[in-house]
Amino acid sequence: MKDKTRLIALSDSPEMDGELVIFETNAPSKRLKELEKESCALFTEEAYDEIPNWSYTLEFEGYLCRYIDSEQHVTPYGTSEEWQQENYQNIKEFYYIDKLKPESIN
């Protein structure tokens, strides 16, 4: 059985030019963590073109993953964290695509 739908946040890069993306999904958090780990490994290897499109991947697997909104990490008006707290304060799941620390590789 698929989980109940909820909003999640995905940070696609820790840099200033990255963005925080809000999705509605019913994919289990375990699957999202696996996708996060895979994405981070590819980001660390600088294989940017190979990082999976989360929405496409999850929908191909039979889950809902619908884009809701996004915000750049840094804008003239504030940060994506401030934006998220103002507009989507009920989100409890956050996923990050970032470089892995050397001790966490493998």
PDB file of N, CA and C in Angstrom:
ATOM      1  N   MET A   1       0.840  -1.187   0.000  1.00  0.00           N
ATOM      2  CA  MET A   1       0.000   0.000   0.000  1.00  0.00           C
ATOM      3  C   MET A   1       0.885   1.251   0.000  1.00  0.00           C
ATOM      4  N   LYS A   2       0.500   2.223  -0.762  1.00  0.00           N
ATOM      5  CA  LYS A   2       1.262   3.462  -0.852  1.00  0.00           C
ATOM      6  C   LYS A   2       0.887   4.377   0.320  1.00  0.00           C
ATOM      7  N   ASP A   3       1.873   5.125   0.776  1.00  0.00           N
ATOM      8  CA  ASP A   3       1.657   6.040   1.886  1.00  0.00           C
ATOM      9  C   ASP A   3       0.698   7.159   1.502  1.00  0.00           C
ATOM     10  N   LYS A   4       0.143   7.798   2.514  1.00  0.00           N
ATOM     11  CA  LYS A   4      -0.712   8.963   2.326  1.00  0.00           C
ATOM     12  C   LYS A   4       0.127  10.110   1.738  1.00  0.00           C
ATOM     13  N   THR A   5      -0.492  10.940   0.909  1.00  0.00           N
ATOM     14  CA  THR A   5       0.261  12.049   0.313  1.00  0.00           C
ATOM     15  C   THR A   5       0.608  13.096   1.363  1.00  0.00           C
ATOM     16  N   ARG A   6       1.755  13.729   1.133  1.00  0.00           N
ATOM     17  CA  ARG A   6       2.226  14.790   2.012  1.00  0.00           C
ATOM     18  C   ARG A   6       3.185  15.662   1.219  1.00  0.00           C
ATOM     19  N   LEU A   7       3.485  16.821   1.767  1.00  0.00           N
ATOM     20  CA  LEU A   7       4.449  17.716   1.136  1.00  0.00           C
ATOM     21  C   LEU A   7       5.841  17.414   1.675  1.00  0.00           C
ATOM     22  N   ILE A   8       6.820  17.442   0.771  1.00  0.00           N
ATOM     23  CA  ILE A   8       8.225  17.293   1.147  1.00  0.00           C
ATOM     24  C   ILE A   8       9.004  18.433   0.510  1.00  0.00           C
ATOM     25  N   ALA A   9      10.194  18.682   1.033  1.00  0.00           N
ATOM     26  CA  ALA A   9      11.071  19.712   0.474  1.00  0.00           C
ATOM     27  C   ALA A   9      12.367  19.060   0.018  1.00  0.00           C
ATOM     28  N   LEU A  10      12.830  19.451  -1.160  1.00  0.00           N
ATOM     29  CA  LEU A  10      14.082  18.946  -1.723  1.00  0.00           C
ATOM     30  C   LEU A  10      14.977  20.130  -2.056  1.00  0.00           C
ATOM     31  N   SER A  11      16.154  20.163  -1.442  1.00  0.00           N
ATOM     32  CA  SER A  11      17.148  21.179  -1.766  1.00  0.00           C
ATOM     33  C   SER A  11      18.049  20.598  -2.834  1.00  0.00           C
ATOM     34  N   ASP A  12      18.041  21.210  -4.016  1.00  0.00           N
ATOM     35  CA  ASP A  12      18.754  20.616  -5.149  1.00  0.00           C
ATOM     36  C   ASP A  12      20.231  20.967  -5.203  1.00  0.00           C
ATOM     37  N   SER A  13      20.707  21.825  -4.348  1.00  0.00           N
ATOM     38  CA  SER A  13      22.125  22.190  -4.311  1.00  0.00           C
ATOM     39  C   SER A  13      22.322  23.108  -3.113  1.00  0.00           C
ATOM     40  N   PRO A  14      23.439  22.966  -2.416  1.00  0.00           N
ATOM     41  CA  PRO A  14      23.656  23.827  -1.252  1.00  0.00           C
ATOM     42  C   PRO A  14      24.114  25.231  -1.626  1.00  0.00           C
ATOM     43  N   GLU A  15      24.456  25.423  -2.874  1.00  0.00           N
ATOM     44  CA  GLU A  15      24.994  26.708  -3.314  1.00  0.00           C
ATOM     45  C   GLU A  15      23.899  27.772  -3.396  1.00  0.00           C
ATOM     46  N   MET A  16      24.328  29.011  -3.508  1.00  0.00           N
ATOM     47  CA  MET A  16      23.389  30.125  -3.588  1.00  0.00           C
ATOM     48  C   MET A  16      22.480  30.034  -4.803  1.00  0.00           C
ATOM     49  N   ASP A  17      22.960  29.412  -5.886  1.00  0.00           N
ATOM     50  CA  ASP A  17      22.134  29.327  -7.087  1.00  0.00           C
ATOM     51  C   ASP A  17      21.189  28.129  -7.069  1.00  0.00           C
ATOM     52  N   GLY A  18      21.222  27.343  -6.019  1.00  0.00           N
ATOM     53  CA  GLY A  18      20.315  26.203  -5.893  1.00  0.00           C
ATOM     54  C   GLY A  18      18.926  26.659  -5.497  1.00  0.00           C
ATOM     55  N   GLU A  19      18.020  25.696  -5.411  1.00  0.00           N
ATOM     56  CA  GLU A  19      16.672  26.055  -4.989  1.00  0.00           C
ATOM     57  C   GLU A  19      16.062  24.983  -4.109  1.00  0.00           C
ATOM     58  N   LEU A  20      15.064  25.385  -3.382  1.00  0.00           N
ATOM     59  CA  LEU A  20      14.279  24.489  -2.548  1.00  0.00           C
ATOM     60  C   LEU A  20      12.994  24.204  -3.308  1.00  0.00           C
ATOM     61  N   VAL A  21      12.732  22.923  -3.548  1.00  0.00           N
ATOM     62  CA  VAL A  21      11.576  22.518  -4.341  1.00  0.00           C
ATOM     63  C   VAL A  21      10.592  21.790  -3.435  1.00  0.00           C
ATOM     64  N   ILE A  22       9.322  22.143  -3.553  1.00  0.00           N
ATOM     65  CA  ILE A  22       8.261  21.506  -2.775  1.00  0.00           C
ATOM     66  C   ILE A  22       7.510  20.542  -3.688  1.00  0.00           C
ATOM     67  N   PHE A  23       7.385  19.296  -3.234  1.00  0.00           N
ATOM     68  CA  PHE A  23       6.638  18.273  -3.956  1.00  0.00           C
ATOM     69  C   PHE A  23       5.534  17.721  -3.069  1.00  0.00           C
ATOM     70  N   GLU A  24       4.473  17.247  -3.700  1.00  0.00           N
ATOM     71  CA  GLU A  24       3.479  16.432  -3.016  1.00  0.00           C
ATOM     72  C   GLU A  24       3.752  15.004  -3.463  1.00  0.00           C
ATOM     73  N   THR A  25       3.874  14.082  -2.515  1.00  0.00           N
ATOM     74  CA  THR A  25       4.182  12.700  -2.872  1.00  0.00           C
ATOM     75  C   THR A  25       3.539  11.721  -1.901  1.00  0.00           C
ATOM     76  N   ASN A  26       3.425  10.491  -2.357  1.00  0.00           N
ATOM     77  CA  ASN A  26       2.997   9.401  -1.487  1.00  0.00           C
ATOM     78  C   ASN A  26       4.085   8.330  -1.408  1.00  0.00           C
ATOM     79  N   ALA A  27       5.267   8.630  -1.927  1.00  0.00           N
ATOM     80  CA  ALA A  27       6.382   7.680  -1.860  1.00  0.00           C
ATOM     81  C   ALA A  27       6.827   7.530  -0.409  1.00  0.00           C
ATOM     82  N   PRO A  28       7.156   6.315   0.001  1.00  0.00           N
ATOM     83  CA  PRO A  28       7.606   6.112   1.383  1.00  0.00           C
ATOM     84  C   PRO A  28       8.924   6.834   1.645  1.00  0.00           C
ATOM     85  N   SER A  29       9.102   7.297   2.863  1.00  0.00           N
ATOM     86  CA  SER A  29      10.323   8.028   3.205  1.00  0.00           C
ATOM     87  C   SER A  29      11.564   7.167   2.981  1.00  0.00           C
ATOM     88  N   LYS A  30      11.456   5.858   3.157  1.00  0.00           N
ATOM     89  CA  LYS A  30      12.600   4.970   2.906  1.00  0.00           C
ATOM     90  C   LYS A  30      13.045   5.084   1.439  1.00  0.00           C
ATOM     91  N   ARG A  31      12.102   5.104   0.514  1.00  0.00           N
ATOM     92  CA  ARG A  31      12.441   5.236  -0.913  1.00  0.00           C
ATOM     93  C   ARG A  31      13.054   6.601  -1.201  1.00  0.00           C
ATOM     94  N   LEU A  32      12.524   7.642  -0.558  1.00  0.00           N
ATOM     95  CA  LEU A  32      13.058   8.988  -0.762  1.00  0.00           C
ATOM     96  C   LEU A  32      14.487   9.092  -0.239  1.00  0.00           C
ATOM     97  N   LYS A  33      14.768   8.446   0.889  1.00  0.00           N
ATOM     98  CA  LYS A  33      16.129   8.436   1.436  1.00  0.00           C
ATOM     99  C   LYS A  33      17.089   7.724   0.481  1.00  0.00           C
ATOM    100  N   GLU A  34      16.639   6.629  -0.138  1.00  0.00           N
ATOM    101  CA  GLU A  34      17.469   5.918  -1.117  1.00  0.00           C
ATOM    102  C   GLU A  34      17.772   6.820  -2.315  1.00  0.00           C
ATOM    103  N   LEU A  35      16.756   7.523  -2.777  1.00  0.00           N
ATOM    104  CA  LEU A  35      16.923   8.428  -3.916  1.00  0.00           C
ATOM    105  C   LEU A  35      17.849   9.588  -3.549  1.00  0.00           C
ATOM    106  N   GLU A  36      17.733  10.067  -2.323  1.00  0.00           N
ATOM    107  CA  GLU A  36      18.607  11.131  -1.840  1.00  0.00           C
ATOM    108  C   GLU A  36      20.068  10.653  -1.824  1.00  0.00           C
ATOM    109  N   LYS A  37      20.289   9.455  -1.312  1.00  0.00           N
ATOM    110  CA  LYS A  37      21.649   8.903  -1.239  1.00  0.00           C
ATOM    111  C   LYS A  37      22.245   8.742  -2.642  1.00  0.00           C
ATOM    112  N   GLU A  38      21.455   8.202  -3.568  1.00  0.00           N
ATOM    113  CA  GLU A  38      21.903   8.032  -4.955  1.00  0.00           C
ATOM    114  C   GLU A  38      22.228   9.390  -5.585  1.00  0.00           C
ATOM    115  N   SER A  39      21.366  10.370  -5.370  1.00  0.00           N
ATOM    116  CA  SER A  39      21.565  11.712  -5.930  1.00  0.00           C
ATOM    117  C   SER A  39      22.823  12.361  -5.368  1.00  0.00           C
ATOM    118  N   CYS A  40      23.046  12.216  -4.069  1.00  0.00           N
ATOM    119  CA  CYS A  40      24.230  12.804  -3.437  1.00  0.00           C
ATOM    120  C   CYS A  40      25.517  12.162  -3.955  1.00  0.00           C
ATOM    121  N   ALA A  41      25.499  10.845  -4.147  1.00  0.00           N
ATOM    122  CA  ALA A  41      26.683  10.159  -4.673  1.00  0.00           C
ATOM    123  C   ALA A  41      27.023  10.685  -6.068  1.00  0.00           C
ATOM    124  N   LEU A  42      26.022  10.849  -6.906  1.00  0.00           N
ATOM    125  CA  LEU A  42      26.252  11.364  -8.259  1.00  0.00           C
ATOM    126  C   LEU A  42      26.697  12.826  -8.228  1.00  0.00           C
ATOM    127  N   PHE A  43      26.129  13.616  -7.318  1.00  0.00           N
ATOM    128  CA  PHE A  43      26.519  15.017  -7.167  1.00  0.00           C
ATOM    129  C   PHE A  43      27.983  15.103  -6.739  1.00  0.00           C
ATOM    130  N   THR A  44      28.383  14.232  -5.815  1.00  0.00           N
ATOM    131  CA  THR A  44      29.759  14.197  -5.331  1.00  0.00           C
ATOM    132  C   THR A  44      30.723  13.853  -6.456  1.00  0.00           C
ATOM    133  N   GLU A  45      30.305  12.944  -7.338  1.00  0.00           N
ATOM    134  CA  GLU A  45      31.131  12.540  -8.481  1.00  0.00           C
ATOM    135  C   GLU A  45      31.057  13.551  -9.629  1.00  0.00           C
ATOM    136  N   GLU A  46      30.290  14.621  -9.435  1.00  0.00           N
ATOM    137  CA  GLU A  46      30.058  15.655 -10.448  1.00  0.00           C
ATOM    138  C   GLU A  46      29.423  15.084 -11.710  1.00  0.00           C
ATOM    139  N   ALA A  47      28.633  14.036 -11.537  1.00  0.00           N
ATOM    140  CA  ALA A  47      27.885  13.422 -12.646  1.00  0.00           C
ATOM    141  C   ALA A  47      26.491  14.043 -12.669  1.00  0.00           C
ATOM    142  N   TYR A  48      26.452  15.346 -12.846  1.00  0.00           N
ATOM    143  CA  TYR A  48      25.211  16.111 -12.715  1.00  0.00           C
ATOM    144  C   TYR A  48      24.117  15.648 -13.670  1.00  0.00           C
ATOM    145  N   ASP A  49      24.491  15.261 -14.882  1.00  0.00           N
ATOM    146  CA  ASP A  49      23.493  14.820 -15.860  1.00  0.00           C
ATOM    147  C   ASP A  49      22.880  13.470 -15.506  1.00  0.00           C
ATOM    148  N   GLU A  50      23.497  12.750 -14.591  1.00  0.00           N
ATOM    149  CA  GLU A  50      22.997  11.432 -14.199  1.00  0.00           C
ATOM    150  C   GLU A  50      22.121  11.469 -12.951  1.00  0.00           C
ATOM    151  N   ILE A  51      22.060  12.611 -12.281  1.00  0.00           N
ATOM    152  CA  ILE A  51      21.217  12.721 -11.086  1.00  0.00           C
ATOM    153  C   ILE A  51      19.772  12.520 -11.510  1.00  0.00           C
ATOM    154  N   PRO A  52      19.074  11.597 -10.856  1.00  0.00           N
ATOM    155  CA  PRO A  52      17.704  11.295 -11.288  1.00  0.00           C
ATOM    156  C   PRO A  52      16.752  12.477 -11.117  1.00  0.00           C
ATOM    157  N   ASN A  53      15.827  12.573 -12.039  1.00  0.00           N
ATOM    158  CA  ASN A  53      14.718  13.512 -11.910  1.00  0.00           C
ATOM    159  C   ASN A  53      13.747  12.847 -10.940  1.00  0.00           C
ATOM    160  N   TRP A  54      13.624  13.388  -9.743  1.00  0.00           N
ATOM    161  CA  TRP A  54      12.842  12.729  -8.696  1.00  0.00           C
ATOM    162  C   TRP A  54      11.399  12.503  -9.120  1.00  0.00           C
ATOM    163  N   SER A  55      10.792  13.501  -9.691  1.00  0.00           N
ATOM    164  CA  SER A  55       9.387  13.386 -10.080  1.00  0.00           C
ATOM    165  C   SER A  55       9.198  12.269 -11.103  1.00  0.00           C
ATOM    166  N   TYR A  56      10.013  12.270 -12.137  1.00  0.00           N
ATOM    167  CA  TYR A  56       9.910  11.249 -13.186  1.00  0.00           C
ATOM    168  C   TYR A  56      10.171   9.855 -12.604  1.00  0.00           C
ATOM    169  N   THR A  57      11.236   9.728 -11.819  1.00  0.00           N
ATOM    170  CA  THR A  57      11.611   8.432 -11.250  1.00  0.00           C
ATOM    171  C   THR A  57      10.502   7.872 -10.373  1.00  0.00           C
ATOM    172  N   LEU A  58       9.980   8.690  -9.483  1.00  0.00           N
ATOM    173  CA  LEU A  58       8.949   8.208  -8.558  1.00  0.00           C
ATOM    174  C   LEU A  58       7.648   7.894  -9.275  1.00  0.00           C
ATOM    175  N   GLU A  59       7.271   8.715 -10.234  1.00  0.00           N
ATOM    176  CA  GLU A  59       6.042   8.435 -10.984  1.00  0.00           C
ATOM    177  C   GLU A  59       6.193   7.172 -11.826  1.00  0.00           C
ATOM    178  N   PHE A  60       7.382   6.925 -12.373  1.00  0.00           N
ATOM    179  CA  PHE A  60       7.645   5.701 -13.132  1.00  0.00           C
ATOM    180  C   PHE A  60       7.483   4.477 -12.224  1.00  0.00           C
ATOM    181  N   GLU A  61       7.832   4.634 -10.948  1.00  0.00           N
ATOM    182  CA  GLU A  61       7.705   3.545  -9.974  1.00  0.00           C
ATOM    183  C   GLU A  61       6.278   3.413  -9.433  1.00  0.00           C
ATOM    184  N   GLY A  62       5.380   4.264  -9.887  1.00  0.00           N
ATOM    185  CA  GLY A  62       3.981   4.163  -9.488  1.00  0.00           C
ATOM    186  C   GLY A  62       3.553   5.068  -8.348  1.00  0.00           C
ATOM    187  N   TYR A  63       4.431   5.956  -7.927  1.00  0.00           N
ATOM    188  CA  TYR A  63       4.098   6.898  -6.858  1.00  0.00           C
ATOM    189  C   TYR A  63       3.661   8.236  -7.447  1.00  0.00           C
ATOM    190  N   LEU A  64       2.962   8.989  -6.651  1.00  0.00           N
ATOM    191  CA  LEU A  64       2.646  10.373  -6.991  1.00  0.00           C
ATOM    192  C   LEU A  64       3.853  11.223  -6.608  1.00  0.00           C
ATOM    193  N   CYS A  65       4.251  12.134  -7.453  1.00  0.00           N
ATOM    194  CA  CYS A  65       5.288  13.110  -7.110  1.00  0.00           C
ATOM    195  C   CYS A  65       5.017  14.344  -7.954  1.00  0.00           C
ATOM    196  N   ARG A  66       4.257  15.242  -7.381  1.00  0.00           N
ATOM    197  CA  ARG A  66       3.782  16.416  -8.113  1.00  0.00           C
ATOM    198  C   ARG A  66       4.499  17.670  -7.623  1.00  0.00           C
ATOM    199  N   TYR A  67       5.062  18.426  -8.575  1.00  0.00           N
ATOM    200  CA  TYR A  67       5.707  19.699  -8.264  1.00  0.00           C
ATOM    201  C   TYR A  67       4.655  20.669  -7.731  1.00  0.00           C
ATOM    202  N   ILE A  68       4.983  21.335  -6.641  1.00  0.00           N
ATOM    203  CA  ILE A  68       4.073  22.319  -6.047  1.00  0.00           C
ATOM    204  C   ILE A  68       4.623  23.739  -6.191  1.00  0.00           C
ATOM    205  N   ASP A  69       5.895  23.933  -5.817  1.00  0.00           N
ATOM    206  CA  ASP A  69       6.450  25.284  -5.767  1.00  0.00           C
ATOM    207  C   ASP A  69       7.966  25.185  -5.595  1.00  0.00           C
ATOM    208  N   SER A  70       8.652  26.302  -5.786  1.00  0.00           N
ATOM    209  CA  SER A  70      10.095  26.328  -5.535  1.00  0.00           C
ATOM    210  C   SER A  70      10.545  27.761  -5.281  1.00  0.00           C
ATOM    211  N   GLU A  71      11.723  27.864  -4.683  1.00  0.00           N
ATOM    212  CA  GLU A  71      12.298  29.173  -4.373  1.00  0.00           C
ATOM    213  C   GLU A  71      13.818  29.039  -4.393  1.00  0.00           C
ATOM    214  N   GLN A  72      14.500  30.013  -4.999  1.00  0.00           N
ATOM    215  CA  GLN A  72      15.964  30.021  -4.962  1.00  0.00           C
ATOM    216  C   GLN A  72      16.420  30.119  -3.514  1.00  0.00           C
ATOM    217  N   HIS A  73      17.596  29.533  -3.227  1.00  0.00           N
ATOM    218  CA  HIS A  73      18.100  29.557  -1.849  1.00  0.00           C
ATOM    219  C   HIS A  73      18.330  30.977  -1.341  1.00  0.00           C
ATOM    220  N   VAL A  74      18.850  31.843  -2.201  1.00  0.00           N
ATOM    221  CA  VAL A  74      19.105  33.228  -1.795  1.00  0.00           C
ATOM    222  C   VAL A  74      18.508  34.151  -2.847  1.00  0.00           C
ATOM    223  N   THR A  75      17.662  35.067  -2.382  1.00  0.00           N
ATOM    224  CA  THR A  75      17.061  36.070  -3.261  1.00  0.00           C
ATOM    225  C   THR A  75      17.240  37.437  -2.606  1.00  0.00           C
ATOM    226  N   PRO A  76      16.941  38.515  -3.322  1.00  0.00           N
ATOM    227  CA  PRO A  76      17.009  39.839  -2.698  1.00  0.00           C
ATOM    228  C   PRO A  76      16.022  39.981  -1.530  1.00  0.00           C
ATOM    229  N   TYR A  77      15.045  39.074  -1.463  1.00  0.00           N
ATOM    230  CA  TYR A  77      13.990  39.181  -0.454  1.00  0.00           C
ATOM    231  C   TYR A  77      14.204  38.278   0.748  1.00  0.00           C
ATOM    232  N   GLY A  78      15.169  37.380   0.685  1.00  0.00           N
ATOM    233  CA  GLY A  78      15.405  36.479   1.806  1.00  0.00           C
ATOM    234  C   GLY A  78      15.953  35.144   1.340  1.00  0.00           C
ATOM    235  N   THR A  79      15.793  34.140   2.184  1.00  0.00           N
ATOM    236  CA  THR A  79      16.312  32.807   1.879  1.00  0.00           C
ATOM    237  C   THR A  79      15.169  31.827   1.655  1.00  0.00           C
ATOM    238  N   SER A  80      15.501  30.699   1.060  1.00  0.00           N
ATOM    239  CA  SER A  80      14.479  29.672   0.828  1.00  0.00           C
ATOM    240  C   SER A  80      13.971  29.097   2.147  1.00  0.00           C
ATOM    241  N   GLU A  81      14.819  29.085   3.165  1.00  0.00           N
ATOM    242  CA  GLU A  81      14.372  28.599   4.478  1.00  0.00           C
ATOM    243  C   GLU A  81      13.292  29.520   5.046  1.00  0.00           C
ATOM    244  N   GLU A  82      13.507  30.824   4.938  1.00  0.00           N
ATOM    245  CA  GLU A  82      12.494  31.781   5.407  1.00  0.00           C
ATOM    246  C   GLU A  82      11.208  31.632   4.601  1.00  0.00           C
ATOM    247  N   TRP A  83      11.350  31.486   3.289  1.00  0.00           N
ATOM    248  CA  TRP A  83      10.196  31.307   2.398  1.00  0.00           C
ATOM    249  C   TRP A  83       9.413  30.059   2.774  1.00  0.00           C
ATOM    250  N   GLN A  84      10.135  28.956   3.002  1.00  0.00           N
ATOM    251  CA  GLN A  84       9.481  27.697   3.374  1.00  0.00           C
ATOM    252  C   GLN A  84       8.733  27.849   4.699  1.00  0.00           C
ATOM    253  N   GLN A  85       9.354  28.481   5.681  1.00  0.00           N
ATOM    254  CA  GLN A  85       8.708  28.658   6.982  1.00  0.00           C
ATOM    255  C   GLN A  85       7.458  29.532   6.881  1.00  0.00           C
ATOM    256  N   GLU A  86       7.487  30.490   5.983  1.00  0.00           N
ATOM    257  CA  GLU A  86       6.339  31.374   5.800  1.00  0.00           C
ATOM    258  C   GLU A  86       5.198  30.700   5.034  1.00  0.00           C
ATOM    259  N   ASN A  87       5.547  29.898   4.026  1.00  0.00           N
ATOM    260  CA  ASN A  87       4.534  29.345   3.129  1.00  0.00           C
ATOM    261  C   ASN A  87       4.202  27.876   3.333  1.00  0.00           C
ATOM    262  N   TYR A  88       5.138  27.109   3.852  1.00  0.00           N
ATOM    263  CA  TYR A  88       4.949  25.653   3.989  1.00  0.00           C
ATOM    264  C   TYR A  88       5.495  25.177   5.333  1.00  0.00           C
ATOM    265  N   GLN A  89       5.071  25.823   6.402  1.00  0.00           N
ATOM    266  CA  GLN A  89       5.618  25.533   7.721  1.00  0.00           C
ATOM    267  C   GLN A  89       5.303  24.126   8.233  1.00  0.00           C
ATOM    268  N   ASN A  90       4.339  23.430   7.631  1.00  0.00           N
ATOM    269  CA  ASN A  90       3.975  22.091   8.100  1.00  0.00           C
ATOM    270  C   ASN A  90       4.839  20.975   7.513  1.00  0.00           C
ATOM    271  N   ILE A  91       5.766  21.297   6.632  1.00  0.00           N
ATOM    272  CA  ILE A  91       6.625  20.264   6.044  1.00  0.00           C
ATOM    273  C   ILE A  91       7.568  19.724   7.113  1.00  0.00           C
ATOM    274  N   LYS A  92       7.597  18.396   7.207  1.00  0.00           N
ATOM    275  CA  LYS A  92       8.440  17.730   8.203  1.00  0.00           C
ATOM    276  C   LYS A  92       9.572  16.926   7.566  1.00  0.00           C
ATOM    277  N   GLU A  93       9.491  16.698   6.245  1.00  0.00           N
ATOM    278  CA  GLU A  93      10.506  15.896   5.552  1.00  0.00           C
ATOM    279  C   GLU A  93      11.312  16.786   4.619  1.00  0.00           C
ATOM    280  N   PHE A  94      12.629  16.766   4.819  1.00  0.00           N
ATOM    281  CA  PHE A  94      13.549  17.550   4.009  1.00  0.00           C
ATOM    282  C   PHE A  94      14.617  16.627   3.441  1.00  0.00           C
ATOM    283  N   TYR A  95      14.885  16.776   2.165  1.00  0.00           N
ATOM    284  CA  TYR A  95      15.893  15.970   1.478  1.00  0.00           C
ATOM    285  C   TYR A  95      16.866  16.917   0.796  1.00  0.00           C
ATOM    286  N   TYR A  96      18.130  16.497   0.737  1.00  0.00           N
ATOM    287  CA  TYR A  96      19.180  17.381   0.247  1.00  0.00           C
ATOM    288  C   TYR A  96      20.051  16.675  -0.780  1.00  0.00           C
ATOM    289  N   ILE A  97      20.325  17.351  -1.878  1.00  0.00           N
ATOM    290  CA  ILE A  97      21.313  16.874  -2.843  1.00  0.00           C
ATOM    291  C   ILE A  97      22.557  17.717  -2.603  1.00  0.00           C
ATOM    292  N   ASP A  98      23.573  17.081  -2.058  1.00  0.00           N
ATOM    293  CA  ASP A  98      24.782  17.774  -1.638  1.00  0.00           C
ATOM    294  C   ASP A  98      25.963  16.822  -1.808  1.00  0.00           C
ATOM    295  N   LYS A  99      27.164  17.355  -1.706  1.00  0.00           N
ATOM    296  CA  LYS A  99      28.352  16.500  -1.765  1.00  0.00           C
ATOM    297  C   LYS A  99      28.437  15.680  -0.483  1.00  0.00           C
ATOM    298  N   LEU A 100      28.795  14.412  -0.649  1.00  0.00           N
ATOM    299  CA  LEU A 100      28.967  13.533   0.498  1.00  0.00           C
ATOM    300  C   LEU A 100      30.289  13.837   1.184  1.00  0.00           C
ATOM    301  N   LYS A 101      30.306  13.697   2.501  1.00  0.00           N
ATOM    302  CA  LYS A 101      31.551  13.817   3.238  1.00  0.00           C
ATOM    303  C   LYS A 101      32.371  12.561   2.957  1.00  0.00           C
ATOM    304  N   PRO A 102      33.697  12.674   2.910  1.00  0.00           N
ATOM    305  CA  PRO A 102      34.527  11.506   2.567  1.00  0.00           C
ATOM    306  C   PRO A 102      34.209  10.255   3.387  1.00  0.00           C
ATOM    307  N   GLU A 103      33.913  10.401   4.667  1.00  0.00           N
ATOM    308  CA  GLU A 103      33.646   9.226   5.507  1.00  0.00           C
ATOM    309  C   GLU A 103      32.311   8.553   5.191  1.00  0.00           C
ATOM    310  N   SER A 104      31.420   9.242   4.479  1.00  0.00           N
ATOM    311  CA  SER A 104      30.111   8.649   4.175  1.00  0.00           C
ATOM    312  C   SER A 104      30.044   8.048   2.771  1.00  0.00           C
ATOM    313  N   ILE A 105      31.135   8.120   2.017  1.00  0.00           N
ATOM    314  CA  ILE A 105      31.150   7.542   0.670  1.00  0.00           C
ATOM    315  C   ILE A 105      31.361   6.037   0.788  1.00  0.00           C
ATOM    316  N   ASN A 106      30.572   5.269   0.024  1.00  0.00           N
ATOM    317  CA  ASN A 106      30.554   3.800  -0.017  1.00  0.00           C
ATOM    318  C   ASN A 106      29.626   3.249   0.961  1.00  0.00           C
TER     319      ASN A 106
END
